[in-house]
Amino acid sequence: MARSTNNVVMKGVSGTIGKMLVFRTNAADKTIIARRPKQSNKPLTVGQLEVRERFTEAAYYAKSAIGNPVLKEQYQAKARPGQSAYNIAFADYLKAPALRKVMADEYMGQIGDKLTFRIIDNFKLQSVNVRILDEDNNVIEQGAVTPLENGLDWQYTATVANPTVLGTNLEVTVKDTPVMW
């Protein structure tokens, strides 16, 4: 693939020449010249169709996100050189947050005990909630989890005594930024 930068003749060129070359300009304002991609005659697999559907959804989300001036500004602030707000929004849609660690060593079932969750995301999370359940999945308590200063961890402070900590289950719900409004 050839790249053309600061070329007065080629600056901003996009399109196809014959059935051989494709010209496009990326977010860094560089013109990229490449061979024209060839269509495959093979039928798509179920996995390929699922990926195509996710990419279509991500494109719709990214277009919608950059239509919101506040969200567009937030995504643009996260973009590195050569990336656009659209690129970041697209990637944010495709990458779900991950609960990496549950730190429950400070939870003894007493009011004021702490539960800490390490949750990783590529952009930002809207909210995190936790439900503390007994061994029969009855709700003991539930509530919002607050972010800590380190930007990785979220913490919940117990408000109800739990006399039977053994067998207690935790249900963590994470709301990511990609929300179709």
Foldseek 3Di string as FASTA:
>chain_A
DDKDPPDPVCQPDADDDDQFWTWDAFPLSIIDIDGHDDDDPDDDDPVRVVVVVLLVVLQVLLVVQCVDVVSQVLLQVLDDRRDHSSNSSSVQSVDDKDFDDWDQPQPPQDFFGKIKIFIDGPGDWDWKKKFKAALVRDTQDIDTWADDPVRGMTMDTHHGGDPCPVNIDMDMDTHHPRDDD
